[in-house]
Amino acid sequence: MADSRNDIRDDADLPVVVATPDPKNVQELTQYVTVLLQQMQERFQTMSDQIIARIDEMGTRIDDLERNISDLMTQAGPEETEK
């Protein structure tokens, strides 16, 4: 079984580009905040996509487990209940 934890990117891999670290006027401050918000949105979107992918994978695994349990129960045949 493959371990999908290795395909998750670390936040350190994401590029960090800041407009101006020390804004001098309102325009630079606006640009700085805009870029910062865009970066946050991109990171949240990446994390959201990763979470959804893991949930989908978990759903598939649960479906497989249910199918395997059903197959095992069918192979075992009907059990007599003791009274």
C-alpha atoms as a PDB file:
ATOM      1  CA  MET A   1       0.000   0.000   0.000  1.00  0.00           C
ATOM      2  CA  ALA A   2       1.456   3.353  -1.002  1.00  0.00           C
ATOM      3  CA  ASP A   3       1.886   6.046   1.603  1.00  0.00           C
ATOM      4  CA  SER A   4       0.485   9.280   0.208  1.00  0.00           C
ATOM      5  CA  ARG A   5       1.915  11.415   3.000  1.00  0.00           C
ATOM      6  CA  ASN A   6       5.106  11.920   1.027  1.00  0.00           C
ATOM      7  CA  ASP A   7       3.356  13.782  -1.786  1.00  0.00           C
ATOM      8  CA  ILE A   8       2.223  16.653   0.437  1.00  0.00           C
ATOM      9  CA  ARG A   9       4.219  19.790  -0.140  1.00  0.00           C
ATOM     10  CA  ASP A  10       5.763  21.529   2.811  1.00  0.00           C
ATOM     11  CA  ASP A  11       4.979  25.217   3.257  1.00  0.00           C
ATOM     12  CA  ALA A  12       8.690  25.900   2.980  1.00  0.00           C
ATOM     13  CA  ASP A  13       8.485  24.813  -0.688  1.00  0.00           C
ATOM     14  CA  LEU A  14       6.060  27.616  -1.506  1.00  0.00           C
ATOM     15  CA  PRO A  15       7.654  30.773  -2.876  1.00  0.00           C
ATOM     16  CA  VAL A  16       7.367  33.805  -0.657  1.00  0.00           C
ATOM     17  CA  VAL A  17       7.355  37.063  -2.554  1.00  0.00           C
ATOM     18  CA  VAL A  18       6.702  40.221  -0.629  1.00  0.00           C
ATOM     19  CA  ALA A  19       6.095  43.463  -2.486  1.00  0.00           C
ATOM     20  CA  THR A  20       7.955  45.810  -0.175  1.00  0.00           C
ATOM     21  CA  PRO A  21       8.987  44.782   3.328  1.00  0.00           C
ATOM     22  CA  ASP A  22       8.833  48.365   4.599  1.00  0.00           C
ATOM     23  CA  PRO A  23       6.067  50.254   2.765  1.00  0.00           C
ATOM     24  CA  LYS A  24       6.728  53.976   2.466  1.00  0.00           C
ATOM     25  CA  ASN A  25       3.284  55.155   1.359  1.00  0.00           C
ATOM     26  CA  VAL A  26      -0.341  54.058   1.043  1.00  0.00           C
ATOM     27  CA  GLN A  27       0.166  52.541  -2.431  1.00  0.00           C
ATOM     28  CA  GLU A  28       3.054  50.375  -1.284  1.00  0.00           C
ATOM     29  CA  LEU A  29       1.120  49.328   1.814  1.00  0.00           C
ATOM     30  CA  THR A  30      -1.894  48.427  -0.320  1.00  0.00           C
ATOM     31  CA  GLN A  31       0.280  46.431  -2.698  1.00  0.00           C
ATOM     32  CA  TYR A  32       2.022  44.716   0.233  1.00  0.00           C
ATOM     33  CA  VAL A  33      -1.277  43.714   1.838  1.00  0.00           C
ATOM     34  CA  THR A  34      -2.714  42.569  -1.508  1.00  0.00           C
ATOM     35  CA  VAL A  35       0.266  40.322  -2.212  1.00  0.00           C
ATOM     36  CA  LEU A  36       0.186  38.990   1.336  1.00  0.00           C
ATOM     37  CA  LEU A  37      -3.528  38.164   1.067  1.00  0.00           C
ATOM     38  CA  GLN A  38      -2.982  36.471  -2.307  1.00  0.00           C
ATOM     39  CA  GLN A  39      -0.240  34.320  -0.818  1.00  0.00           C
ATOM     40  CA  MET A  40      -2.459  33.360   2.091  1.00  0.00           C
ATOM     41  CA  GLN A  41      -5.298  32.487  -0.291  1.00  0.00           C
ATOM     42  CA  GLU A  42      -2.968  30.297  -2.380  1.00  0.00           C
ATOM     43  CA  ARG A  43      -1.710  28.477   0.718  1.00  0.00           C
ATOM     44  CA  PHE A  44      -5.223  27.918   2.037  1.00  0.00           C
ATOM     45  CA  GLN A  45      -6.342  26.661  -1.370  1.00  0.00           C
ATOM     46  CA  THR A  46      -3.394  24.249  -1.505  1.00  0.00           C
ATOM     47  CA  MET A  47      -4.174  22.965   1.986  1.00  0.00           C
ATOM     48  CA  SER A  48      -7.865  22.663   1.133  1.00  0.00           C
ATOM     49  CA  ASP A  49      -7.080  20.671  -2.008  1.00  0.00           C
ATOM     50  CA  GLN A  50      -4.801  18.367  -0.016  1.00  0.00           C
ATOM     51  CA  ILE A  51      -7.455  17.798   2.649  1.00  0.00           C
ATOM     52  CA  ILE A  52     -10.125  17.030   0.051  1.00  0.00           C
ATOM     53  CA  ALA A  53      -7.789  14.599  -1.720  1.00  0.00           C
ATOM     54  CA  ARG A  54      -7.104  12.784   1.553  1.00  0.00           C
ATOM     55  CA  ILE A  55     -10.815  12.611   2.376  1.00  0.00           C
ATOM     56  CA  ASP A  56     -11.518  11.156  -1.076  1.00  0.00           C
ATOM     57  CA  GLU A  57      -8.740   8.604  -0.594  1.00  0.00           C
ATOM     58  CA  MET A  58     -10.110   7.702   2.839  1.00  0.00           C
ATOM     59  CA  GLY A  59     -13.580   7.209   1.336  1.00  0.00           C
ATOM     60  CA  THR A  60     -12.147   4.876  -1.291  1.00  0.00           C
ATOM     61  CA  ARG A  61     -10.322   2.877   1.373  1.00  0.00           C
ATOM     62  CA  ILE A  62     -13.488   2.587   3.453  1.00  0.00           C
ATOM     63  CA  ASP A  63     -15.414   1.368   0.403  1.00  0.00           C
ATOM     64  CA  ASP A  64     -12.694  -1.242  -0.215  1.00  0.00           C
ATOM     65  CA  LEU A  65     -12.833  -2.370   3.418  1.00  0.00           C
ATOM     66  CA  GLU A  66     -16.619  -2.712   3.283  1.00  0.00           C
ATOM     67  CA  ARG A  67     -16.347  -4.739   0.078  1.00  0.00           C
ATOM     68  CA  ASN A  68     -13.655  -6.986   1.573  1.00  0.00           C
ATOM     69  CA  ILE A  69     -15.683  -7.561   4.746  1.00  0.00           C
ATOM     70  CA  SER A  70     -18.737  -8.416   2.669  1.00  0.00           C
ATOM     71  CA  ASP A  71     -16.691 -10.874   0.596  1.00  0.00           C
ATOM     72  CA  LEU A  72     -15.291 -12.507   3.745  1.00  0.00           C
ATOM     73  CA  MET A  73     -18.764 -12.833   5.244  1.00  0.00           C
ATOM     74  CA  THR A  74     -20.018 -14.418   2.016  1.00  0.00           C
ATOM     75  CA  GLN A  75     -17.090 -16.863   1.985  1.00  0.00           C
ATOM     76  CA  ALA A  76     -17.678 -17.784   5.624  1.00  0.00           C
ATOM     77  CA  GLY A  77     -21.271 -18.698   4.870  1.00  0.00           C
ATOM     78  CA  PRO A  78     -24.250 -18.446   7.191  1.00  0.00           C
ATOM     79  CA  GLU A  79     -23.431 -19.005  10.828  1.00  0.00           C
ATOM     80  CA  GLU A  80     -25.760 -20.818  13.132  1.00  0.00           C
ATOM     81  CA  THR A  81     -26.733 -18.841  16.157  1.00  0.00           C
ATOM     82  CA  GLU A  82     -26.525 -20.646  19.472  1.00  0.00           C
ATOM     83  CA  LYS A  83     -29.623 -20.554  21.663  1.00  0.00           C
END
